[in-house]
Amino acid sequence: MPPYSPGRSMLARRLAAAVAASDPLPTPAMVVDLEGFDSNADDLARRAAGKPLRLASKSVRVPALIERALAHAGFSGVLAFTLREALWLHEQGISDDLVVAYPTVDRPALTQLVESPAAAAAITLMIDDLAHLDVVDSVRRSLAVPVRVAIDIDAGLRIGGQHVGPKRSPLYDAAAVASLARRVVDRRGFRLVGVMTYEGQVAGLPDMVPTQRAKSLVVRGLKQASQSQVEERRQQVADALRNVVQLEFWNAGGSGSVESTAADPVVTEVAAGSGLLVPTLFDHYRSFEPRPAAFFALPVVRRPGPGIATVHGGGLVASGPAGRDRLPSPYVPDGLHLTALEGAGEVQTPLTGPGAARLAIGDLVWFRHAKSGEVFEHANDVHLLEGDAFVDRVPTYRGHGLTF
């Protein structure tokens, strides 16, 4: 967690003033600080140095905030996490430039796509195997509506016979990519328009953790090696594709690697999303200064003993490898931490630390989630904080009745 700072203490005062002036909040109460959100959006655009940022919607999951981000200078288009989500965002008029970040075999959604020329013109599917095209063909009655596709290429680091990075595409070397590209280009009913190379081992790993100095040093070395290797390989792939297809875009990176990804001349756009809300997993990066913008509140319901306060609920645990870094963190008031025995519980979460003695039954404790976007699957709406007041209340995907 970032050190206690005047900005954090000011946030505590703003939240307290907003709560005091509003109707009682149902909990867990989700809040996004618009000042932090907008500041983070501006910072992401600065770091991208003129290259467009494609918004990773899975890191937001609130339509009003997706629209707000897209309205910022530097943002263009959406990187959706499911086809059904992309179809919905297109139907709502939120974006007409959507890339689905992962391959899909959702036949009902694919049927909807191929039966809508407008949606098919706005949405690009991700593939890394001809079998993905077979699924598309299995649901359509004609080839009248061409389907846009992009190829996902493994951007992991290979060193000493080991693979470091997300286990995504089976495509690694330029020859394999070019071979698939030729077969896509030759196949009726499809248009190859883009490429994705997501270097998650660079974009998604903190590299300046105060309590893990030795590990952070190793991570920085791996990141540097990975950046050098993936940049060289991107150029090789680009050279191999040059005589096969004219691409519209080359997507890469994430919030944690905006500068290095944008500096690669092959890349035409950078993905970003988590950097807008800055969850705890993005606290310790050398590449940018975190400004947390998303919080959720839980009420104190028990005082089981001296120096202990228990809040109701709390078990909003992030996906990924199980560990303490996936647990939510108490943020306001200061001086609170989870217990080792219970952690963040399904129905109650005990808190200890010097701040616990100051809490009374009924007080709110504000937490930060470990990952961006996931927390909003637990609530129907989000309160938007501006200054010291809640200025709006907007639905999440869940609030719209959507489960992507």
Protein backbone atom coordinates (compact mmCIF):
# COMPACT_ATOMS: atom_id res chain seq x y z
CA MET A 1 0.00 0.00 0.00
CA PRO A 2 1.27 3.52 -0.75
CA PRO A 3 2.61 5.37 2.30
CA TYR A 4 0.24 7.62 4.21
CA SER A 5 0.23 11.02 2.54
CA PRO A 6 -1.60 14.34 2.59
CA GLY A 7 -3.47 13.18 -0.51
CA ARG A 8 -4.69 10.12 1.34
CA SER A 9 -5.74 12.09 4.40
CA MET A 10 -7.56 14.56 2.13
CA LEU A 11 -9.38 11.63 0.52
CA ALA A 12 -10.50 10.50 3.98
CA ARG A 13 -11.96 13.95 4.65
CA ARG A 14 -13.68 14.08 1.27
CA LEU A 15 -15.23 10.66 1.74
CA ALA A 16 -16.42 11.56 5.23
CA ALA A 17 -18.01 14.79 3.97
CA ALA A 18 -19.71 13.03 1.06
CA VAL A 19 -21.10 10.29 3.30
CA ALA A 20 -22.37 12.82 5.84
CA ALA A 21 -24.21 14.76 3.15
CA SER A 22 -25.79 11.75 1.43
CA ASP A 23 -28.45 9.19 2.23
CA PRO A 24 -27.17 6.10 4.07
CA LEU A 25 -25.05 3.99 1.74
CA PRO A 26 -25.96 0.34 1.14
CA THR A 27 -22.83 -1.72 1.65
CA PRO A 28 -20.57 -2.79 0.16
CA ALA A 29 -20.61 0.79 -1.16
CA MET A 30 -18.55 1.27 -4.31
CA VAL A 31 -17.00 4.68 -4.98
CA VAL A 32 -14.82 6.04 -7.78
CA ASP A 33 -13.00 9.33 -7.24
CA LEU A 34 -13.44 11.19 -10.52
CA GLU A 35 -10.52 13.50 -9.81
CA GLY A 36 -8.21 10.52 -9.45
CA PHE A 37 -9.76 8.76 -12.46
CA ASP A 38 -9.31 11.79 -14.73
CA SER A 39 -5.80 12.44 -13.46
CA ASN A 40 -4.84 8.82 -14.13
CA ALA A 41 -6.34 9.01 -17.64
CA ASP A 42 -4.27 12.09 -18.39
CA ASP A 43 -1.15 10.41 -17.03
CA LEU A 44 -1.69 7.30 -19.17
CA ALA A 45 -2.02 9.51 -22.25
CA ARG A 46 1.18 11.35 -21.30
CA ARG A 47 3.04 8.07 -20.90
CA ALA A 48 1.78 6.84 -24.29
CA ALA A 49 3.51 9.82 -25.95
CA GLY A 50 0.99 10.25 -28.74
CA LYS A 51 0.11 6.63 -29.44
CA PRO A 52 -3.59 5.79 -29.01
CA LEU A 53 -4.69 3.98 -25.87
CA ARG A 54 -7.25 1.21 -26.33
CA LEU A 55 -9.33 0.93 -23.17
CA ALA A 56 -9.26 -2.53 -21.55
CA SER A 57 -12.89 -2.68 -20.45
CA LYS A 58 -12.46 -5.62 -18.08
CA SER A 59 -10.50 -3.26 -15.85
CA VAL A 60 -13.47 -0.87 -15.60
CA ARG A 61 -16.83 -2.73 -16.03
CA VAL A 62 -18.89 0.43 -15.50
CA PRO A 63 -20.36 1.74 -18.78
CA ALA A 64 -20.45 5.38 -17.66
CA LEU A 65 -16.76 5.20 -16.75
CA ILE A 66 -15.89 3.48 -20.02
CA GLU A 67 -17.53 6.41 -21.82
CA ARG A 68 -15.70 8.89 -19.58
CA ALA A 69 -12.33 7.30 -20.37
CA LEU A 70 -13.04 7.23 -24.10
CA ALA A 71 -13.85 10.94 -23.95
CA HIS A 72 -10.30 11.67 -22.73
CA ALA A 73 -7.71 12.76 -25.25
CA GLY A 74 -5.46 9.85 -26.13
CA PHE A 75 -8.06 7.07 -25.75
CA SER A 76 -9.52 5.39 -28.82
CA GLY A 77 -11.46 2.14 -28.99
CA VAL A 78 -12.19 -0.67 -26.55
CA LEU A 79 -10.39 -3.91 -25.80
CA ALA A 80 -13.35 -6.03 -24.67
CA PHE A 81 -13.06 -9.24 -22.69
CA THR A 82 -15.99 -11.13 -24.24
CA LEU A 83 -17.85 -10.95 -27.52
CA ARG A 84 -21.18 -10.50 -25.74
CA GLU A 85 -19.74 -7.48 -23.98
CA ALA A 86 -18.48 -6.04 -27.27
CA LEU A 87 -21.90 -6.55 -28.87
CA TRP A 88 -23.60 -4.78 -25.96
CA LEU A 89 -21.19 -1.83 -26.00
CA HIS A 90 -21.79 -1.48 -29.73
CA GLU A 91 -25.58 -1.70 -29.33
CA GLN A 92 -25.47 1.01 -26.69
CA GLY A 93 -23.46 3.30 -28.94
CA ILE A 94 -20.56 3.39 -26.50
CA SER A 95 -17.98 2.37 -29.10
CA ASP A 96 -17.81 1.40 -32.76
CA ASP A 97 -14.21 0.21 -32.52
CA LEU A 98 -14.01 -2.92 -30.40
CA VAL A 99 -11.41 -5.67 -30.27
CA VAL A 100 -12.25 -8.82 -28.31
CA ALA A 101 -9.06 -9.60 -26.42
CA TYR A 102 -9.56 -13.37 -26.16
CA PRO A 103 -10.72 -16.06 -28.59
CA THR A 104 -14.41 -16.92 -28.35
CA VAL A 105 -16.47 -20.05 -28.99
CA ASP A 106 -19.71 -18.42 -27.82
CA ARG A 107 -21.96 -19.59 -30.65
CA PRO A 108 -25.05 -17.53 -29.74
CA ALA A 109 -22.92 -14.37 -29.63
CA LEU A 110 -21.17 -15.31 -32.88
CA THR A 111 -24.56 -15.85 -34.51
CA GLN A 112 -25.57 -12.35 -33.45
CA LEU A 113 -22.31 -10.98 -34.86
CA VAL A 114 -22.56 -12.58 -38.30
CA GLU A 115 -26.21 -11.55 -38.65
CA SER A 116 -25.39 -7.87 -38.06
CA PRO A 117 -23.29 -6.13 -40.73
CA ALA A 118 -22.95 -3.08 -38.45
CA ALA A 119 -21.63 -5.12 -35.51
CA ALA A 120 -19.33 -7.16 -37.74
CA ALA A 121 -17.84 -3.96 -39.13
CA ALA A 122 -17.16 -2.60 -35.63
CA ILE A 123 -15.94 -5.71 -33.78
CA THR A 124 -12.69 -7.64 -34.28
CA LEU A 125 -12.35 -11.21 -32.99
CA MET A 126 -9.10 -12.59 -31.60
CA ILE A 127 -7.74 -15.88 -32.92
CA ASP A 128 -4.61 -17.99 -32.63
CA ASP A 129 -5.85 -21.14 -34.38
CA LEU A 130 -7.85 -21.95 -37.52
CA ALA A 131 -10.29 -23.80 -35.26
CA HIS A 132 -11.54 -20.40 -34.12
CA LEU A 133 -12.57 -19.64 -37.70
CA ASP A 134 -14.29 -23.02 -37.94
CA VAL A 135 -16.52 -22.08 -35.01
CA VAL A 136 -17.52 -18.85 -36.74
CA ASP A 137 -18.33 -20.70 -39.96
CA SER A 138 -20.42 -23.24 -38.03
CA VAL A 139 -23.00 -20.59 -37.10
CA ARG A 140 -23.42 -18.65 -40.34
CA ARG A 141 -25.56 -19.41 -43.33
CA SER A 142 -23.58 -17.33 -45.82
CA LEU A 143 -20.34 -15.43 -46.20
CA ALA A 144 -22.10 -12.17 -47.01
CA VAL A 145 -20.94 -10.54 -43.77
CA PRO A 146 -17.13 -10.60 -43.46
CA VAL A 147 -15.74 -11.13 -39.96
CA ARG A 148 -12.78 -9.07 -38.79
CA VAL A 149 -10.06 -11.02 -36.96
CA ALA A 150 -6.73 -10.31 -35.29
CA ILE A 151 -3.97 -12.76 -34.44
CA ASP A 152 -2.79 -13.11 -30.83
CA ILE A 153 0.95 -13.79 -30.63
CA ASP A 154 2.74 -15.03 -27.53
CA ALA A 155 4.87 -12.18 -26.19
CA GLY A 156 6.40 -14.11 -23.30
CA LEU A 157 10.11 -14.17 -22.51
CA ARG A 158 12.01 -17.30 -23.38
CA ILE A 159 15.18 -17.67 -21.41
CA GLY A 160 17.17 -20.78 -20.51
CA GLY A 161 14.50 -23.05 -21.93
CA GLN A 162 11.84 -21.46 -19.71
CA HIS A 163 8.79 -19.41 -20.69
CA VAL A 164 8.08 -16.34 -18.55
CA GLY A 165 4.76 -14.61 -19.06
CA PRO A 166 1.05 -15.36 -19.58
CA LYS A 167 0.25 -18.69 -21.22
CA ARG A 168 -1.76 -17.33 -24.11
CA SER A 169 -1.21 -17.96 -27.80
CA PRO A 170 0.64 -21.02 -29.14
CA LEU A 171 2.11 -18.75 -31.85
CA TYR A 172 5.62 -17.59 -31.07
CA ASP A 173 7.98 -17.29 -34.03
CA ALA A 174 7.47 -15.23 -37.15
CA ALA A 175 7.14 -18.21 -39.48
CA ALA A 176 4.22 -19.70 -37.54
CA VAL A 177 2.44 -16.34 -37.46
CA ALA A 178 2.94 -15.75 -41.18
CA SER A 179 1.68 -19.25 -41.96
CA LEU A 180 -1.56 -18.70 -40.05
CA ALA A 181 -1.93 -15.22 -41.55
CA ARG A 182 -1.74 -16.60 -45.10
CA ARG A 183 -4.45 -19.15 -44.37
CA VAL A 184 -6.70 -16.50 -42.85
CA VAL A 185 -6.19 -14.15 -45.81
CA ASP A 186 -7.00 -16.99 -48.22
CA ARG A 187 -10.17 -17.96 -46.35
CA ARG A 188 -13.42 -16.48 -47.62
CA GLY A 189 -15.56 -14.57 -45.17
CA PHE A 190 -12.74 -13.23 -42.98
CA ARG A 191 -10.57 -10.13 -42.91
CA LEU A 192 -7.25 -10.14 -41.06
CA VAL A 193 -6.91 -6.61 -39.68
CA GLY A 194 -4.68 -6.72 -36.60
CA VAL A 195 -2.19 -8.32 -34.28
CA MET A 196 -1.89 -8.45 -30.50
CA THR A 197 1.28 -9.05 -28.47
CA TYR A 198 0.55 -8.71 -24.73
CA GLU A 199 3.74 -8.74 -22.66
CA GLY A 200 2.03 -9.46 -19.34
CA GLN A 201 5.34 -10.22 -17.62
CA VAL A 202 6.20 -6.55 -18.17
CA ALA A 203 2.81 -4.85 -17.90
CA GLY A 204 1.43 -6.83 -14.99
CA LEU A 205 4.29 -7.32 -12.52
CA PRO A 206 5.21 -4.77 -9.83
CA ASP A 207 8.93 -4.08 -9.81
CA MET A 208 9.50 -1.83 -6.81
CA VAL A 209 7.96 -3.59 -3.79
CA PRO A 210 9.55 -2.24 -0.56
CA THR A 211 9.21 -5.57 1.27
CA GLN A 212 10.58 -7.59 -1.68
CA ARG A 213 13.68 -5.70 -2.75
CA ALA A 214 15.61 -8.74 -3.98
CA LYS A 215 12.64 -10.06 -5.92
CA SER A 216 11.97 -6.63 -7.38
CA LEU A 217 15.55 -6.48 -8.66
CA VAL A 218 15.06 -9.83 -10.41
CA VAL A 219 11.73 -8.67 -11.86
CA ARG A 220 13.32 -5.51 -13.24
CA GLY A 221 16.00 -7.62 -14.93
CA LEU A 222 13.38 -9.94 -16.43
CA LYS A 223 11.37 -6.96 -17.65
CA GLN A 224 14.39 -5.42 -19.35
CA ALA A 225 15.28 -8.72 -21.02
CA SER A 226 11.67 -9.25 -22.06
CA GLN A 227 11.30 -5.77 -23.54
CA SER A 228 14.41 -6.26 -25.62
CA GLN A 229 13.38 -9.73 -26.79
CA VAL A 230 9.75 -8.90 -27.62
CA GLU A 231 10.71 -5.76 -29.52
CA GLU A 232 13.10 -7.75 -31.69
CA ARG A 233 10.49 -10.46 -32.26
CA ARG A 234 7.75 -7.95 -33.11
CA GLN A 235 9.97 -6.58 -35.85
CA GLN A 236 10.60 -10.09 -37.17
CA VAL A 237 6.87 -10.82 -37.25
CA ALA A 238 6.13 -7.46 -38.88
CA ASP A 239 8.69 -8.20 -41.58
CA ALA A 240 7.16 -11.64 -42.17
CA LEU A 241 3.64 -10.21 -42.44
CA ARG A 242 4.54 -7.31 -44.71
CA ASN A 243 4.03 -9.32 -47.90
CA VAL A 244 0.98 -11.16 -46.55
CA VAL A 245 -1.41 -8.51 -45.29
CA GLN A 246 -1.76 -4.79 -44.63
CA LEU A 247 -2.72 -4.51 -40.94
CA GLU A 248 -4.92 -1.80 -39.45
CA PHE A 249 -3.47 -2.07 -35.94
CA TRP A 250 -0.85 -3.69 -33.74
CA ASN A 251 -2.01 -3.79 -30.12
CA ALA A 252 0.35 -4.41 -27.20
CA GLY A 253 1.16 -3.63 -23.60
CA GLY A 254 -0.83 -2.63 -20.55
CA SER A 255 -0.97 0.01 -17.82
CA GLY A 256 2.32 -1.12 -16.32
CA SER A 257 4.29 -0.97 -19.57
CA VAL A 258 2.86 2.02 -21.43
CA GLU A 259 6.17 3.83 -21.97
CA SER A 260 8.21 0.87 -23.20
CA THR A 261 5.40 -0.50 -25.35
CA ALA A 262 4.62 2.86 -26.95
CA ALA A 263 8.33 3.31 -27.76
CA ASP A 264 8.28 0.21 -30.00
CA PRO A 265 7.86 1.51 -33.58
CA VAL A 266 5.95 -1.63 -34.62
CA VAL A 267 3.18 -1.05 -32.08
CA THR A 268 0.36 1.26 -33.23
CA GLU A 269 -1.74 1.28 -30.02
CA VAL A 270 -1.33 0.43 -26.34
CA ALA A 271 -3.92 -1.30 -24.15
CA ALA A 272 -4.65 0.26 -20.75
CA GLY A 273 -7.31 -0.02 -18.09
CA SER A 274 -6.02 -0.79 -14.61
CA GLY A 275 -4.08 2.46 -14.55
CA LEU A 276 -7.36 4.38 -14.44
CA LEU A 277 -8.45 3.00 -11.06
CA VAL A 278 -5.05 1.84 -9.69
CA PRO A 279 -5.80 -1.25 -7.57
CA THR A 280 -3.27 -2.43 -4.99
CA LEU A 281 -1.44 -4.71 -7.42
CA PHE A 282 -0.39 -1.54 -9.27
CA ASP A 283 1.03 0.25 -6.25
CA HIS A 284 4.68 -0.61 -6.70
CA TYR A 285 5.74 0.25 -10.24
CA ARG A 286 8.73 2.38 -11.13
CA SER A 287 7.00 3.53 -14.32
CA PHE A 288 4.22 5.59 -12.74
CA GLU A 289 3.01 7.12 -9.49
CA PRO A 290 -0.20 5.46 -8.30
CA ARG A 291 -3.27 7.54 -7.49
CA PRO A 292 -5.92 5.15 -6.16
CA ALA A 293 -9.36 6.03 -7.54
CA ALA A 294 -11.64 3.08 -6.64
CA PHE A 295 -12.79 2.14 -3.14
CA PHE A 296 -15.46 0.14 -1.38
CA ALA A 297 -16.85 0.66 2.12
CA LEU A 298 -17.85 -1.88 4.74
CA PRO A 299 -19.49 -1.07 8.11
CA VAL A 300 -18.06 -1.92 11.51
CA VAL A 301 -20.52 -4.31 13.15
CA ARG A 302 -18.52 -5.71 16.10
CA ARG A 303 -15.84 -4.84 18.61
CA PRO A 304 -14.83 -8.36 19.73
CA GLY A 305 -11.94 -7.16 21.87
CA PRO A 306 -9.49 -4.35 22.54
CA GLY A 307 -7.76 -3.24 19.37
CA ILE A 308 -10.07 -5.25 17.08
CA ALA A 309 -12.93 -4.01 14.91
CA THR A 310 -14.94 -6.33 12.70
CA VAL A 311 -16.61 -5.20 9.46
CA HIS A 312 -19.43 -7.01 7.72
CA GLY A 313 -18.36 -8.93 4.59
CA GLY A 314 -15.06 -8.20 2.93
CA GLY A 315 -14.15 -11.33 1.02
CA LEU A 316 -13.81 -9.61 -2.35
CA VAL A 317 -10.74 -11.56 -3.37
CA ALA A 318 -9.04 -10.98 -6.72
CA SER A 319 -8.36 -13.64 -9.33
CA GLY A 320 -4.89 -15.01 -9.99
CA PRO A 321 -2.47 -17.07 -7.88
CA ALA A 322 -3.78 -17.36 -4.33
CA GLY A 323 -1.86 -15.16 -1.91
CA ARG A 324 -2.14 -12.20 0.41
CA ASP A 325 -1.59 -9.79 -2.45
CA ARG A 326 -5.01 -10.85 -3.84
CA LEU A 327 -6.86 -9.72 -0.72
CA PRO A 328 -8.52 -6.32 -0.39
CA SER A 329 -6.63 -3.80 1.73
CA PRO A 330 -8.13 -1.42 4.33
CA TYR A 331 -7.18 2.10 3.26
CA VAL A 332 -9.19 4.70 5.18
CA PRO A 333 -8.91 5.29 8.07
CA ASP A 334 -5.20 4.73 8.37
CA GLY A 335 -3.58 2.14 10.64
CA LEU A 336 -5.68 -0.93 9.86
CA HIS A 337 -4.73 -4.34 8.57
CA LEU A 338 -6.22 -7.78 8.07
CA THR A 339 -5.50 -10.59 10.49
CA ALA A 340 -3.38 -13.53 9.36
CA LEU A 341 -5.90 -16.06 10.69
CA GLU A 342 -9.08 -14.79 9.00
CA GLY A 343 -7.96 -12.49 6.20
CA ALA A 344 -10.92 -11.08 4.25
CA GLY A 345 -13.94 -13.13 5.21
CA GLU A 346 -17.10 -13.99 3.35
CA VAL A 347 -19.40 -12.50 6.01
CA GLN A 348 -17.04 -10.73 8.37
CA THR A 349 -13.51 -9.35 8.39
CA PRO A 350 -11.70 -8.51 11.64
CA LEU A 351 -9.24 -5.62 11.49
CA THR A 352 -6.38 -4.86 13.83
CA GLY A 353 -3.74 -2.17 14.09
CA PRO A 354 -3.57 1.22 15.81
CA GLY A 355 -6.55 2.52 13.84
CA ALA A 356 -8.89 -0.21 15.09
CA ALA A 357 -9.21 1.27 18.59
CA ARG A 358 -10.69 4.45 17.11
CA LEU A 359 -13.50 2.69 15.28
CA ALA A 360 -17.05 2.48 16.62
CA ILE A 361 -19.91 0.26 15.56
CA GLY A 362 -21.51 1.81 12.49
CA ASP A 363 -18.33 3.47 11.20
CA LEU A 364 -17.30 2.82 7.60
CA VAL A 365 -13.94 1.38 6.61
CA TRP A 366 -12.83 2.03 3.04
CA PHE A 367 -10.94 -0.71 1.21
CA ARG A 368 -9.06 -1.00 -2.06
CA HIS A 369 -9.39 -4.09 -4.23
CA ALA A 370 -6.34 -5.94 -5.50
CA LYS A 371 -7.41 -5.86 -9.17
CA SER A 372 -9.18 -3.31 -11.29
CA GLY A 373 -12.74 -3.88 -12.47
CA GLU A 374 -13.39 -7.17 -10.68
CA VAL A 375 -14.71 -5.45 -7.57
CA PHE A 376 -17.64 -4.04 -9.54
CA GLU A 377 -19.02 -7.53 -10.10
CA HIS A 378 -20.12 -7.36 -6.44
CA ALA A 379 -22.41 -4.33 -6.70
CA ASN A 380 -25.17 -2.91 -8.87
CA ASP A 381 -23.94 0.68 -8.84
CA VAL A 382 -21.03 2.98 -8.15
CA HIS A 383 -21.09 6.38 -6.44
CA LEU A 384 -19.01 8.99 -8.24
CA LEU A 385 -17.06 11.32 -5.94
CA GLU A 386 -16.14 14.81 -7.08
CA GLY A 387 -14.74 17.28 -4.58
CA ASP A 388 -16.40 16.37 -1.29
CA ALA A 389 -19.74 15.20 -2.71
CA PHE A 390 -21.24 12.24 -4.52
CA VAL A 391 -22.31 13.75 -7.84
CA ASP A 392 -23.82 10.68 -9.49
CA ARG A 393 -24.70 7.03 -9.01
CA VAL A 394 -24.15 4.86 -12.09
CA PRO A 395 -24.83 1.17 -12.78
CA THR A 396 -22.11 -1.44 -13.18
CA TYR A 397 -22.47 -4.24 -15.72
CA ARG A 398 -24.16 -6.18 -12.93
CA GLY A 399 -26.51 -3.25 -12.36
CA HIS A 400 -27.50 -3.48 -16.01
CA GLY A 401 -28.29 -7.18 -15.48
CA LEU A 402 -25.21 -8.26 -17.41
CA THR A 403 -22.78 -11.04 -16.49
CA PHE A 404 -19.97 -11.15 -19.01
